[in-house]
Amino acid sequence: MSNVYYPDYLQLDKILGAQEPESVKLGSPAHDEMLFIIIHQSYELWFKQILHEVGSVMELFADDHIDDNAGELSIAVHRLGRVHTILQVLVHKIDILETMTPLDFLDFRDMLRPASGFQSMQFKIAEAKLGLRMEQRFGKQYYTSQLKPEHKAEIEALEGQPTLFDQINGWLGRMPYLTGQFWPEGGQEFWRDLKQTYAASLVKGEEGNLALWEKLFETGEGRRLSPAAARSAVFIMLYRDEPVLQMPFRLLERLLDIDEAMATWRYRHMSMVHRTIGLRVGTGGSTGKQYLAGALGSHHIFQEIADLSSFLFERRRIPVLPAGVRAALRFSA
């Protein structure tokens, strides 16, 4: 086996030689352009790692069966936790970028047109694989307009492929703990009692939540999460302390962590853009802060899972499970 040399292993000649400031090429060096390039190159490297982790989790769920006895669910939770940690790092990178003042940026900004972070293929792919569909996007007519034709086609092709959201929806819908396997009449009496308990917990102004209950858990009208999946998710949230449900609960939490971290990144990005260029348009032709504000409000991927927190109530009100169901939710000796 040959000796591995650190600079060769990391291909540092390629990486450290990949910064070519436009201002230098044009004979008017701008000091902060190096920072701008390195920050965005590092973003792309971390996006690659996010795609690596998300892709591996999707492979675990791909066959409509995830084997917790083989540790697959635990692996998925661990890797999604890593994605969340990476996203937190990406948020903090904005602190470094904000050491560049508006005048520092203006020294080279016009040299970048029409290049823009809006053309990041890896970020668009990550959003699409996690489950953000085109119809959910703010300014969807603009979303692929700045891409090369082959990149535009690649993003559009993802619309017809399964997403992590789809896989989670299927996994939740298949959970057996609310079926006739464990409950008389498929647990219908349990859900009637649970609905009554929930209704009793509502305060003035929340009466309309009962109509939403029917939409989420009975008809599924206008929702991506199926009624069966929604019922399973709420069941997991309510009975998360039962041994078998602890890991599923952690998985749902990691999905919400990722959504929240992406929203935090969008907010910090929007604030940085406003601080740096004010109300001017972006180098790629977007409306700058206005576009980013719209994306912040609408690009939540797992919001339907977060919505289910509306249907939780105090622990003291949670119905006691039948002995047979509780036994099924505990590890076998």
C-alpha atoms as a PDB file:
ATOM      1  CA  MET A   1       0.000   0.000   0.000  1.00  0.00           C
ATOM      2  CA  SER A   2       1.391   3.386  -1.011  1.00  0.00           C
ATOM      3  CA  ASN A   3       1.968   6.160   1.489  1.00  0.00           C
ATOM      4  CA  VAL A   4      -0.755   8.804   1.566  1.00  0.00           C
ATOM      5  CA  TYR A   5       0.471  12.402   1.643  1.00  0.00           C
ATOM      6  CA  TYR A   6      -1.859  14.914   3.343  1.00  0.00           C
ATOM      7  CA  PRO A   7      -1.799  17.649   0.619  1.00  0.00           C
ATOM      8  CA  ASP A   8      -2.311  15.024  -2.095  1.00  0.00           C
ATOM      9  CA  TYR A   9      -5.131  13.254  -0.232  1.00  0.00           C
ATOM     10  CA  LEU A  10      -7.053  16.522   0.132  1.00  0.00           C
ATOM     11  CA  GLN A  11      -6.028  17.720  -3.350  1.00  0.00           C
ATOM     12  CA  LEU A  12      -5.015  21.025  -1.814  1.00  0.00           C
ATOM     13  CA  ASP A  13      -3.385  22.234  -5.033  1.00  0.00           C
ATOM     14  CA  LYS A  14      -6.849  22.227  -6.642  1.00  0.00           C
ATOM     15  CA  ILE A  15      -8.715  23.643  -3.660  1.00  0.00           C
ATOM     16  CA  LEU A  16      -6.249  26.380  -2.724  1.00  0.00           C
ATOM     17  CA  GLY A  17      -5.730  27.304  -6.349  1.00  0.00           C
ATOM     18  CA  ALA A  18      -9.459  27.660  -7.073  1.00  0.00           C
ATOM     19  CA  GLN A  19      -9.781  31.302  -6.006  1.00  0.00           C
ATOM     20  CA  GLU A  20      -9.568  33.623  -9.008  1.00  0.00           C
ATOM     21  CA  PRO A  21     -10.983  37.050  -8.100  1.00  0.00           C
ATOM     22  CA  GLU A  22     -12.593  38.898 -10.995  1.00  0.00           C
ATOM     23  CA  SER A  23     -11.210  42.164  -9.646  1.00  0.00           C
ATOM     24  CA  VAL A  24      -7.664  40.866 -10.037  1.00  0.00           C
ATOM     25  CA  LYS A  25      -8.367  39.706 -13.600  1.00  0.00           C
ATOM     26  CA  LEU A  26      -9.651  43.188 -14.427  1.00  0.00           C
ATOM     27  CA  GLY A  27      -6.637  44.896 -12.886  1.00  0.00           C
ATOM     28  CA  SER A  28      -8.478  46.482  -9.953  1.00  0.00           C
ATOM     29  CA  PRO A  29      -7.889  44.159  -6.968  1.00  0.00           C
ATOM     30  CA  ALA A  30     -10.597  44.278  -4.291  1.00  0.00           C
ATOM     31  CA  HIS A  31      -9.326  42.948  -0.964  1.00  0.00           C
ATOM     32  CA  ASP A  32     -12.626  41.426   0.243  1.00  0.00           C
ATOM     33  CA  GLU A  33     -13.369  39.456  -2.915  1.00  0.00           C
ATOM     34  CA  MET A  34     -11.119  36.654  -1.622  1.00  0.00           C
ATOM     35  CA  LEU A  35     -13.299  36.367   1.479  1.00  0.00           C
ATOM     36  CA  PHE A  36     -16.439  36.389  -0.680  1.00  0.00           C
ATOM     37  CA  ILE A  37     -15.138  33.543  -2.855  1.00  0.00           C
ATOM     38  CA  ILE A  38     -13.887  31.365  -0.002  1.00  0.00           C
ATOM     39  CA  ILE A  39     -17.117  31.704   1.987  1.00  0.00           C
ATOM     40  CA  HIS A  40     -19.213  30.643  -0.990  1.00  0.00           C
ATOM     41  CA  GLN A  41     -16.874  27.826  -1.982  1.00  0.00           C
ATOM     42  CA  SER A  42     -17.055  26.473   1.568  1.00  0.00           C
ATOM     43  CA  TYR A  43     -20.849  26.719   1.397  1.00  0.00           C
ATOM     44  CA  GLU A  44     -20.821  24.534  -1.700  1.00  0.00           C
ATOM     45  CA  LEU A  45     -18.591  21.957  -0.004  1.00  0.00           C
ATOM     46  CA  TRP A  46     -21.006  21.762   2.927  1.00  0.00           C
ATOM     47  CA  PHE A  47     -23.963  21.543   0.537  1.00  0.00           C
ATOM     48  CA  LYS A  48     -22.221  18.518  -0.984  1.00  0.00           C
ATOM     49  CA  GLN A  49     -21.987  16.908   2.451  1.00  0.00           C
ATOM     50  CA  ILE A  50     -25.668  17.661   3.135  1.00  0.00           C
ATOM     51  CA  LEU A  51     -26.611  15.930  -0.131  1.00  0.00           C
ATOM     52  CA  HIS A  52     -24.408  12.990   0.867  1.00  0.00           C
ATOM     53  CA  GLU A  53     -26.190  12.631   4.228  1.00  0.00           C
ATOM     54  CA  VAL A  54     -29.734  13.200   2.927  1.00  0.00           C
ATOM     55  CA  GLY A  55     -29.123  10.800   0.039  1.00  0.00           C
ATOM     56  CA  SER A  56     -28.001   8.066   2.435  1.00  0.00           C
ATOM     57  CA  VAL A  57     -31.106   8.550   4.622  1.00  0.00           C
ATOM     58  CA  MET A  58     -33.345   8.370   1.550  1.00  0.00           C
ATOM     59  CA  GLU A  59     -31.692   5.067   0.620  1.00  0.00           C
ATOM     60  CA  LEU A  60     -32.623   3.684   4.052  1.00  0.00           C
ATOM     61  CA  PHE A  61     -36.284   4.585   3.477  1.00  0.00           C
ATOM     62  CA  ALA A  62     -36.354   3.761  -0.244  1.00  0.00           C
ATOM     63  CA  ASP A  63     -37.682   0.191  -0.042  1.00  0.00           C
ATOM     64  CA  ASP A  64     -40.761   1.165   2.016  1.00  0.00           C
ATOM     65  CA  HIS A  65     -39.243  -0.644   4.967  1.00  0.00           C
ATOM     66  CA  ILE A  66     -36.787   0.619   7.550  1.00  0.00           C
ATOM     67  CA  ASP A  67     -35.490  -1.997   9.971  1.00  0.00           C
ATOM     68  CA  ASP A  68     -35.103  -0.612  13.479  1.00  0.00           C
ATOM     69  CA  ASN A  69     -33.823  -3.972  14.644  1.00  0.00           C
ATOM     70  CA  ALA A  70     -30.838  -3.394  12.361  1.00  0.00           C
ATOM     71  CA  GLY A  71     -30.359   0.136  13.657  1.00  0.00           C
ATOM     72  CA  GLU A  72     -31.459   1.851  10.442  1.00  0.00           C
ATOM     73  CA  LEU A  73     -33.772   4.306  12.167  1.00  0.00           C
ATOM     74  CA  SER A  74     -31.013   5.240  14.592  1.00  0.00           C
ATOM     75  CA  ILE A  75     -28.623   5.776  11.666  1.00  0.00           C
ATOM     76  CA  ALA A  76     -31.176   8.036   9.954  1.00  0.00           C
ATOM     77  CA  VAL A  77     -31.626  10.100  13.127  1.00  0.00           C
ATOM     78  CA  HIS A  78     -27.862  10.440  13.531  1.00  0.00           C
ATOM     79  CA  ARG A  79     -27.259  11.567   9.954  1.00  0.00           C
ATOM     80  CA  LEU A  80     -30.144  14.024   9.954  1.00  0.00           C
ATOM     81  CA  GLY A  81     -28.704  15.413  13.181  1.00  0.00           C
ATOM     82  CA  ARG A  82     -25.442  15.948  11.322  1.00  0.00           C
ATOM     83  CA  VAL A  83     -27.318  17.837   8.586  1.00  0.00           C
ATOM     84  CA  HIS A  84     -28.800  20.082  11.272  1.00  0.00           C
ATOM     85  CA  THR A  85     -25.353  20.754  12.767  1.00  0.00           C
ATOM     86  CA  ILE A  86     -23.946  21.625   9.323  1.00  0.00           C
ATOM     87  CA  LEU A  87     -26.804  24.062   8.741  1.00  0.00           C
ATOM     88  CA  GLN A  88     -26.013  25.721  12.069  1.00  0.00           C
ATOM     89  CA  VAL A  89     -22.418  26.157  10.897  1.00  0.00           C
ATOM     90  CA  LEU A  90     -23.662  27.709   7.654  1.00  0.00           C
ATOM     91  CA  VAL A  91     -25.693  30.232   9.639  1.00  0.00           C
ATOM     92  CA  HIS A  92     -22.590  31.237  11.601  1.00  0.00           C
ATOM     93  CA  LYS A  93     -20.593  31.711   8.394  1.00  0.00           C
ATOM     94  CA  ILE A  94     -22.747  34.786   7.783  1.00  0.00           C
ATOM     95  CA  ASP A  95     -21.025  36.354  10.807  1.00  0.00           C
ATOM     96  CA  ILE A  96     -17.754  36.166   8.876  1.00  0.00           C
ATOM     97  CA  LEU A  97     -19.303  37.482   5.680  1.00  0.00           C
ATOM     98  CA  GLU A  98     -20.771  40.439   7.551  1.00  0.00           C
ATOM     99  CA  THR A  99     -17.257  41.653   8.366  1.00  0.00           C
ATOM    100  CA  MET A 100     -17.359  42.835   4.736  1.00  0.00           C
ATOM    101  CA  THR A 101     -18.940  46.306   4.684  1.00  0.00           C
ATOM    102  CA  PRO A 102     -21.207  47.620   1.891  1.00  0.00           C
ATOM    103  CA  LEU A 103     -18.360  49.698   0.435  1.00  0.00           C
ATOM    104  CA  ASP A 104     -16.053  46.654   0.540  1.00  0.00           C
ATOM    105  CA  PHE A 105     -18.622  44.699  -1.495  1.00  0.00           C
ATOM    106  CA  LEU A 106     -19.203  47.508  -3.966  1.00  0.00           C
ATOM    107  CA  ASP A 107     -15.505  47.387  -4.865  1.00  0.00           C
ATOM    108  CA  PHE A 108     -16.210  44.229  -6.894  1.00  0.00           C
ATOM    109  CA  ARG A 109     -19.988  43.603  -6.910  1.00  0.00           C
ATOM    110  CA  ASP A 110     -20.690  44.790 -10.458  1.00  0.00           C
ATOM    111  CA  MET A 111     -17.924  42.526 -11.758  1.00  0.00           C
ATOM    112  CA  LEU A 112     -19.942  39.462 -10.698  1.00  0.00           C
ATOM    113  CA  ARG A 113     -23.083  40.003 -12.805  1.00  0.00           C
ATOM    114  CA  PRO A 114     -25.069  37.924 -13.570  1.00  0.00           C
ATOM    115  CA  ALA A 115     -23.554  35.336 -11.209  1.00  0.00           C
ATOM    116  CA  SER A 116     -25.568  34.857  -8.023  1.00  0.00           C
ATOM    117  CA  GLY A 117     -25.965  32.449  -5.137  1.00  0.00           C
ATOM    118  CA  PHE A 118     -29.431  31.977  -6.617  1.00  0.00           C
ATOM    119  CA  GLN A 119     -27.676  29.777  -9.186  1.00  0.00           C
ATOM    120  CA  SER A 120     -26.430  27.295  -6.562  1.00  0.00           C
ATOM    121  CA  MET A 121     -27.477  23.953  -8.005  1.00  0.00           C
ATOM    122  CA  GLN A 122     -26.585  21.977  -4.905  1.00  0.00           C
ATOM    123  CA  PHE A 123     -28.790  24.088  -2.634  1.00  0.00           C
ATOM    124  CA  LYS A 124     -31.716  23.784  -5.051  1.00  0.00           C
ATOM    125  CA  ILE A 125     -31.197  20.011  -5.250  1.00  0.00           C
ATOM    126  CA  ALA A 126     -31.045  19.732  -1.443  1.00  0.00           C
ATOM    127  CA  GLU A 127     -34.314  21.645  -1.065  1.00  0.00           C
ATOM    128  CA  ALA A 128     -35.965  19.466  -3.736  1.00  0.00           C
ATOM    129  CA  LYS A 129     -34.739  16.175  -2.242  1.00  0.00           C
ATOM    130  CA  LEU A 130     -35.904  17.157   1.226  1.00  0.00           C
ATOM    131  CA  GLY A 131     -39.371  17.839  -0.180  1.00  0.00           C
ATOM    132  CA  LEU A 132     -39.786  21.454  -1.321  1.00  0.00           C
ATOM    133  CA  ARG A 133     -41.951  21.250  -4.458  1.00  0.00           C
ATOM    134  CA  MET A 134     -42.110  23.874  -7.200  1.00  0.00           C
ATOM    135  CA  GLU A 135     -45.707  24.855  -6.412  1.00  0.00           C
ATOM    136  CA  GLN A 136     -44.658  25.778  -2.864  1.00  0.00           C
ATOM    137  CA  ARG A 137     -41.909  28.142  -3.962  1.00  0.00           C
ATOM    138  CA  PHE A 138     -42.146  31.895  -3.752  1.00  0.00           C
ATOM    139  CA  GLY A 139     -41.545  33.439  -7.176  1.00  0.00           C
ATOM    140  CA  LYS A 140     -41.543  30.028  -8.851  1.00  0.00           C
ATOM    141  CA  GLN A 141     -41.529  31.619 -12.333  1.00  0.00           C
ATOM    142  CA  TYR A 142     -38.122  33.095 -11.482  1.00  0.00           C
ATOM    143  CA  TYR A 143     -36.732  30.063  -9.657  1.00  0.00           C
ATOM    144  CA  THR A 144     -35.027  28.359 -12.609  1.00  0.00           C
ATOM    145  CA  SER A 145     -34.886  31.323 -14.976  1.00  0.00           C
ATOM    146  CA  GLN A 146     -31.236  32.137 -14.197  1.00  0.00           C
ATOM    147  CA  LEU A 147     -29.944  28.603 -14.719  1.00  0.00           C
ATOM    148  CA  LYS A 148     -28.258  27.091 -17.753  1.00  0.00           C
ATOM    149  CA  PRO A 149     -30.701  24.954 -19.793  1.00  0.00           C
ATOM    150  CA  GLU A 150     -29.138  21.670 -18.649  1.00  0.00           C
ATOM    151  CA  HIS A 151     -29.298  22.745 -14.999  1.00  0.00           C
ATOM    152  CA  LYS A 152     -32.875  23.934 -15.395  1.00  0.00           C
ATOM    153  CA  ALA A 153     -33.814  20.532 -16.817  1.00  0.00           C
ATOM    154  CA  GLU A 154     -32.075  18.759 -13.923  1.00  0.00           C
ATOM    155  CA  ILE A 155     -34.018  20.721 -11.308  1.00  0.00           C
ATOM    156  CA  GLU A 156     -37.325  20.242 -13.112  1.00  0.00           C
ATOM    157  CA  ALA A 157     -36.678  16.476 -13.367  1.00  0.00           C
ATOM    158  CA  LEU A 158     -36.525  16.271  -9.569  1.00  0.00           C
ATOM    159  CA  GLU A 159     -40.213  17.249  -9.405  1.00  0.00           C
ATOM    160  CA  GLY A 160     -41.198  13.754 -10.520  1.00  0.00           C
ATOM    161  CA  GLN A 161     -38.939  11.917  -8.075  1.00  0.00           C
ATOM    162  CA  PRO A 162     -39.703  10.816  -4.492  1.00  0.00           C
ATOM    163  CA  THR A 163     -38.564  13.175  -1.735  1.00  0.00           C
ATOM    164  CA  LEU A 164     -37.616  12.611   1.885  1.00  0.00           C
ATOM    165  CA  PHE A 165     -40.978  14.174   2.819  1.00  0.00           C
ATOM    166  CA  ASP A 166     -42.742  11.547   0.668  1.00  0.00           C
ATOM    167  CA  GLN A 167     -40.778   8.753   2.313  1.00  0.00           C
ATOM    168  CA  ILE A 168     -41.523  10.018   5.828  1.00  0.00           C
ATOM    169  CA  ASN A 169     -45.205  10.294   4.887  1.00  0.00           C
ATOM    170  CA  GLY A 170     -45.189   6.673   3.740  1.00  0.00           C
ATOM    171  CA  TRP A 171     -43.262   5.463   6.793  1.00  0.00           C
ATOM    172  CA  LEU A 172     -45.668   7.159   9.198  1.00  0.00           C
ATOM    173  CA  GLY A 173     -48.670   5.856   7.269  1.00  0.00           C
ATOM    174  CA  ARG A 174     -47.424   2.264   7.599  1.00  0.00           C
ATOM    175  CA  MET A 175     -46.954   2.332  11.378  1.00  0.00           C
ATOM    176  CA  PRO A 176     -48.988  -0.569  12.829  1.00  0.00           C
ATOM    177  CA  TYR A 177     -49.722   0.746  16.304  1.00  0.00           C
ATOM    178  CA  LEU A 178     -53.014   2.417  15.347  1.00  0.00           C
ATOM    179  CA  THR A 179     -54.429  -0.458  13.295  1.00  0.00           C
ATOM    180  CA  GLY A 180     -56.798  -3.301  14.032  1.00  0.00           C
ATOM    181  CA  GLN A 181     -53.726  -5.394  14.802  1.00  0.00           C
ATOM    182  CA  PHE A 182     -53.666  -3.768  18.243  1.00  0.00           C
ATOM    183  CA  TRP A 183     -57.029  -1.985  18.558  1.00  0.00           C
ATOM    184  CA  PRO A 184     -60.649  -3.128  18.298  1.00  0.00           C
ATOM    185  CA  GLU A 185     -62.268  -1.392  15.316  1.00  0.00           C
ATOM    186  CA  GLY A 186     -58.889  -0.014  14.208  1.00  0.00           C
ATOM    187  CA  GLY A 187     -58.662   2.377  17.151  1.00  0.00           C
ATOM    188  CA  GLN A 188     -61.681   4.455  16.122  1.00  0.00           C
ATOM    189  CA  GLU A 189     -62.932   4.682  19.703  1.00  0.00           C
ATOM    190  CA  PHE A 190     -59.492   5.876  20.825  1.00  0.00           C
ATOM    191  CA  TRP A 191     -59.551   8.681  18.255  1.00  0.00           C
ATOM    192  CA  ARG A 192     -63.071   9.722  19.218  1.00  0.00           C
ATOM    193  CA  ASP A 193     -61.979   9.957  22.859  1.00  0.00           C
ATOM    194  CA  LEU A 194     -58.804  11.806  21.881  1.00  0.00           C
ATOM    195  CA  LYS A 195     -60.792  14.321  19.842  1.00  0.00           C
ATOM    196  CA  GLN A 196     -63.115  14.959  22.781  1.00  0.00           C
ATOM    197  CA  THR A 197     -60.158  15.422  25.120  1.00  0.00           C
ATOM    198  CA  TYR A 198     -58.594  17.838  22.646  1.00  0.00           C
ATOM    199  CA  ALA A 199     -61.843  19.775  22.233  1.00  0.00           C
ATOM    200  CA  ALA A 200     -62.063  20.183  25.999  1.00  0.00           C
ATOM    201  CA  SER A 201     -58.577  21.721  26.045  1.00  0.00           C
ATOM    202  CA  LEU A 202     -59.401  24.507  23.569  1.00  0.00           C
ATOM    203  CA  VAL A 203     -59.689  28.095  24.730  1.00  0.00           C
ATOM    204  CA  LYS A 204     -61.642  31.006  23.280  1.00  0.00           C
ATOM    205  CA  GLY A 205     -60.565  31.702  19.711  1.00  0.00           C
ATOM    206  CA  GLU A 206     -59.443  28.115  19.006  1.00  0.00           C
ATOM    207  CA  GLU A 207     -62.851  26.661  18.133  1.00  0.00           C
ATOM    208  CA  GLY A 208     -61.909  26.478  14.456  1.00  0.00           C
ATOM    209  CA  ASN A 209     -59.214  23.950  15.270  1.00  0.00           C
ATOM    210  CA  LEU A 210     -61.817  21.185  15.304  1.00  0.00           C
ATOM    211  CA  ALA A 211     -62.445  21.745  11.589  1.00  0.00           C
ATOM    212  CA  LEU A 212     -58.687  21.559  11.043  1.00  0.00           C
ATOM    213  CA  TRP A 213     -58.639  18.312  13.056  1.00  0.00           C
ATOM    214  CA  GLU A 214     -61.050  16.770  10.538  1.00  0.00           C
ATOM    215  CA  LYS A 215     -58.962  17.976   7.611  1.00  0.00           C
ATOM    216  CA  LEU A 216     -55.700  16.618   9.009  1.00  0.00           C
ATOM    217  CA  PHE A 217     -56.788  13.341  10.578  1.00  0.00           C
ATOM    218  CA  GLU A 218     -59.881  12.356   8.602  1.00  0.00           C
ATOM    219  CA  THR A 219     -60.044  13.790   5.061  1.00  0.00           C
ATOM    220  CA  GLY A 220     -56.483  14.960   4.325  1.00  0.00           C
ATOM    221  CA  GLU A 221     -57.943  17.721   2.146  1.00  0.00           C
ATOM    222  CA  GLY A 222     -55.270  20.068   0.832  1.00  0.00           C
ATOM    223  CA  ARG A 223     -52.513  18.360   2.817  1.00  0.00           C
ATOM    224  CA  ARG A 224     -49.392  16.516   1.701  1.00  0.00           C
ATOM    225  CA  LEU A 225     -49.275  14.493   4.902  1.00  0.00           C
ATOM    226  CA  SER A 226     -51.853  11.712   4.725  1.00  0.00           C
ATOM    227  CA  PRO A 227     -54.428  11.328   7.542  1.00  0.00           C
ATOM    228  CA  ALA A 228     -52.825   8.023   8.560  1.00  0.00           C
ATOM    229  CA  ALA A 229     -49.389   9.661   8.703  1.00  0.00           C
ATOM    230  CA  ALA A 230     -50.749  12.631  10.670  1.00  0.00           C
ATOM    231  CA  ARG A 231     -52.406  10.315  13.197  1.00  0.00           C
ATOM    232  CA  SER A 232     -49.186   8.332  13.614  1.00  0.00           C
ATOM    233  CA  ALA A 233     -47.127  11.500  14.087  1.00  0.00           C
ATOM    234  CA  VAL A 234     -49.449  12.837  16.792  1.00  0.00           C
ATOM    235  CA  PHE A 235     -49.495   9.413  18.457  1.00  0.00           C
ATOM    236  CA  ILE A 236     -45.674   9.462  18.500  1.00  0.00           C
ATOM    237  CA  MET A 237     -45.644  12.974  19.973  1.00  0.00           C
ATOM    238  CA  LEU A 238     -48.163  12.105  22.698  1.00  0.00           C
ATOM    239  CA  TYR A 239     -46.623   8.771  23.673  1.00  0.00           C
ATOM    240  CA  ARG A 240     -42.989   9.578  22.905  1.00  0.00           C
ATOM    241  CA  ASP A 241     -41.798   8.177  26.251  1.00  0.00           C
ATOM    242  CA  GLU A 242     -42.851   4.640  25.321  1.00  0.00           C
ATOM    243  CA  PRO A 243     -39.621   2.784  24.398  1.00  0.00           C
ATOM    244  CA  VAL A 244     -40.458   1.879  20.790  1.00  0.00           C
ATOM    245  CA  LEU A 245     -41.567   5.443  20.016  1.00  0.00           C
ATOM    246  CA  GLN A 246     -38.511   7.243  21.361  1.00  0.00           C
ATOM    247  CA  MET A 247     -36.473   6.928  18.163  1.00  0.00           C
ATOM    248  CA  PRO A 248     -39.399   7.831  15.840  1.00  0.00           C
ATOM    249  CA  PHE A 249     -39.946  10.943  17.982  1.00  0.00           C
ATOM    250  CA  ARG A 250     -36.280  11.886  17.623  1.00  0.00           C
ATOM    251  CA  LEU A 251     -36.577  11.484  13.850  1.00  0.00           C
ATOM    252  CA  LEU A 252     -39.517  13.906  13.711  1.00  0.00           C
ATOM    253  CA  GLU A 253     -37.561  16.341  15.888  1.00  0.00           C
ATOM    254  CA  ARG A 254     -34.556  16.217  13.537  1.00  0.00           C
ATOM    255  CA  LEU A 255     -36.798  17.062  10.565  1.00  0.00           C
ATOM    256  CA  LEU A 256     -38.147  20.091  12.422  1.00  0.00           C
ATOM    257  CA  ASP A 257     -34.594  21.042  13.449  1.00  0.00           C
ATOM    258  CA  ILE A 258     -33.549  21.041   9.797  1.00  0.00           C
ATOM    259  CA  ASP A 259     -36.548  23.135   8.759  1.00  0.00           C
ATOM    260  CA  GLU A 260     -35.878  25.640  11.535  1.00  0.00           C
ATOM    261  CA  ALA A 261     -32.160  25.865  10.714  1.00  0.00           C
ATOM    262  CA  MET A 262     -32.911  26.479   7.033  1.00  0.00           C
ATOM    263  CA  ALA A 263     -35.386  29.205   8.009  1.00  0.00           C
ATOM    264  CA  THR A 264     -32.769  30.749  10.297  1.00  0.00           C
ATOM    265  CA  TRP A 265     -30.227  30.706   7.465  1.00  0.00           C
ATOM    266  CA  ARG A 266     -32.741  32.390   5.133  1.00  0.00           C
ATOM    267  CA  TYR A 267     -33.481  35.053   7.727  1.00  0.00           C
ATOM    268  CA  ARG A 268     -29.800  35.781   8.354  1.00  0.00           C
ATOM    269  CA  HIS A 269     -29.151  35.827   4.605  1.00  0.00           C
ATOM    270  CA  MET A 270     -32.019  38.264   4.057  1.00  0.00           C
ATOM    271  CA  SER A 271     -30.795  40.531   6.861  1.00  0.00           C
ATOM    272  CA  MET A 272     -27.247  40.448   5.521  1.00  0.00           C
ATOM    273  CA  VAL A 273     -28.423  41.320   2.007  1.00  0.00           C
ATOM    274  CA  HIS A 274     -30.461  44.254   3.314  1.00  0.00           C
ATOM    275  CA  ARG A 275     -27.521  45.450   5.383  1.00  0.00           C
ATOM    276  CA  THR A 276     -25.125  45.161   2.432  1.00  0.00           C
ATOM    277  CA  ILE A 277     -27.095  46.342  -0.621  1.00  0.00           C
ATOM    278  CA  GLY A 278     -30.204  47.894   0.931  1.00  0.00           C
ATOM    279  CA  LEU A 279     -33.161  47.695  -1.474  1.00  0.00           C
ATOM    280  CA  ARG A 280     -31.143  47.168  -4.653  1.00  0.00           C
ATOM    281  CA  VAL A 281     -31.711  44.119  -6.888  1.00  0.00           C
ATOM    282  CA  GLY A 282     -29.446  41.101  -6.595  1.00  0.00           C
ATOM    283  CA  THR A 283     -26.611  40.433  -9.031  1.00  0.00           C
ATOM    284  CA  GLY A 284     -28.708  37.613 -10.517  1.00  0.00           C
ATOM    285  CA  GLY A 285     -31.662  39.935 -11.129  1.00  0.00           C
ATOM    286  CA  SER A 286     -33.851  38.965  -8.155  1.00  0.00           C
ATOM    287  CA  THR A 287     -35.629  41.581  -6.070  1.00  0.00           C
ATOM    288  CA  GLY A 288     -33.042  41.092  -3.338  1.00  0.00           C
ATOM    289  CA  LYS A 289     -34.481  41.446   0.158  1.00  0.00           C
ATOM    290  CA  GLN A 290     -38.078  41.269  -1.110  1.00  0.00           C
ATOM    291  CA  TYR A 291     -37.525  37.874  -2.753  1.00  0.00           C
ATOM    292  CA  LEU A 292     -35.659  36.505   0.268  1.00  0.00           C
ATOM    293  CA  ALA A 293     -38.466  37.632   2.597  1.00  0.00           C
ATOM    294  CA  GLY A 294     -41.014  35.774   0.457  1.00  0.00           C
ATOM    295  CA  ALA A 295     -38.902  32.614   0.452  1.00  0.00           C
ATOM    296  CA  LEU A 296     -38.486  32.831   4.227  1.00  0.00           C
ATOM    297  CA  GLY A 297     -42.253  32.801   4.681  1.00  0.00           C
ATOM    298  CA  SER A 298     -43.106  29.999   2.268  1.00  0.00           C
ATOM    299  CA  HIS A 299     -40.161  27.593   1.992  1.00  0.00           C
ATOM    300  CA  HIS A 300     -40.858  25.472   5.082  1.00  0.00           C
ATOM    301  CA  ILE A 301     -40.580  21.828   4.064  1.00  0.00           C
ATOM    302  CA  PHE A 302     -41.864  20.002   7.159  1.00  0.00           C
ATOM    303  CA  GLN A 303     -44.371  22.599   8.341  1.00  0.00           C
ATOM    304  CA  GLU A 304     -47.212  20.071   8.275  1.00  0.00           C
ATOM    305  CA  ILE A 305     -45.400  18.107  10.985  1.00  0.00           C
ATOM    306  CA  ALA A 306     -44.881  21.299  13.000  1.00  0.00           C
ATOM    307  CA  ASP A 307     -48.611  22.055  12.585  1.00  0.00           C
ATOM    308  CA  LEU A 308     -49.422  18.901  14.552  1.00  0.00           C
ATOM    309  CA  SER A 309     -48.217  20.538  17.761  1.00  0.00           C
ATOM    310  CA  SER A 310     -51.568  22.353  17.606  1.00  0.00           C
ATOM    311  CA  PHE A 311     -53.234  19.091  18.663  1.00  0.00           C
ATOM    312  CA  LEU A 312     -51.220  18.285  21.772  1.00  0.00           C
ATOM    313  CA  PHE A 313     -52.381  18.908  25.334  1.00  0.00           C
ATOM    314  CA  GLU A 314     -51.188  18.464  28.910  1.00  0.00           C
ATOM    315  CA  ARG A 315     -49.683  15.134  29.895  1.00  0.00           C
ATOM    316  CA  ARG A 316     -52.294  14.663  32.629  1.00  0.00           C
ATOM    317  CA  ARG A 317     -55.009  14.598  29.941  1.00  0.00           C
ATOM    318  CA  ILE A 318     -53.306  12.016  27.696  1.00  0.00           C
ATOM    319  CA  PRO A 319     -55.429   8.823  27.633  1.00  0.00           C
ATOM    320  CA  VAL A 320     -53.919   5.722  29.204  1.00  0.00           C
ATOM    321  CA  LEU A 321     -53.214   3.127  26.530  1.00  0.00           C
ATOM    322  CA  PRO A 322     -54.717  -0.390  26.716  1.00  0.00           C
ATOM    323  CA  ALA A 323     -52.359  -2.955  28.195  1.00  0.00           C
ATOM    324  CA  GLY A 324     -51.922  -4.758  24.869  1.00  0.00           C
ATOM    325  CA  VAL A 325     -50.884  -1.583  23.065  1.00  0.00           C
ATOM    326  CA  ARG A 326     -48.498  -0.556  25.843  1.00  0.00           C
ATOM    327  CA  ALA A 327     -46.907  -4.003  25.700  1.00  0.00           C
ATOM    328  CA  ALA A 328     -46.435  -3.650  21.934  1.00  0.00           C
ATOM    329  CA  LEU A 329     -44.673  -0.313  22.478  1.00  0.00           C
ATOM    330  CA  ARG A 330     -42.093  -1.802  24.821  1.00  0.00           C
ATOM    331  CA  PHE A 331     -38.985  -3.733  23.944  1.00  0.00           C
ATOM    332  CA  SER A 332     -39.404  -7.510  24.163  1.00  0.00           C
ATOM    333  CA  ALA A 333     -37.407  -9.369  26.778  1.00  0.00           C
END
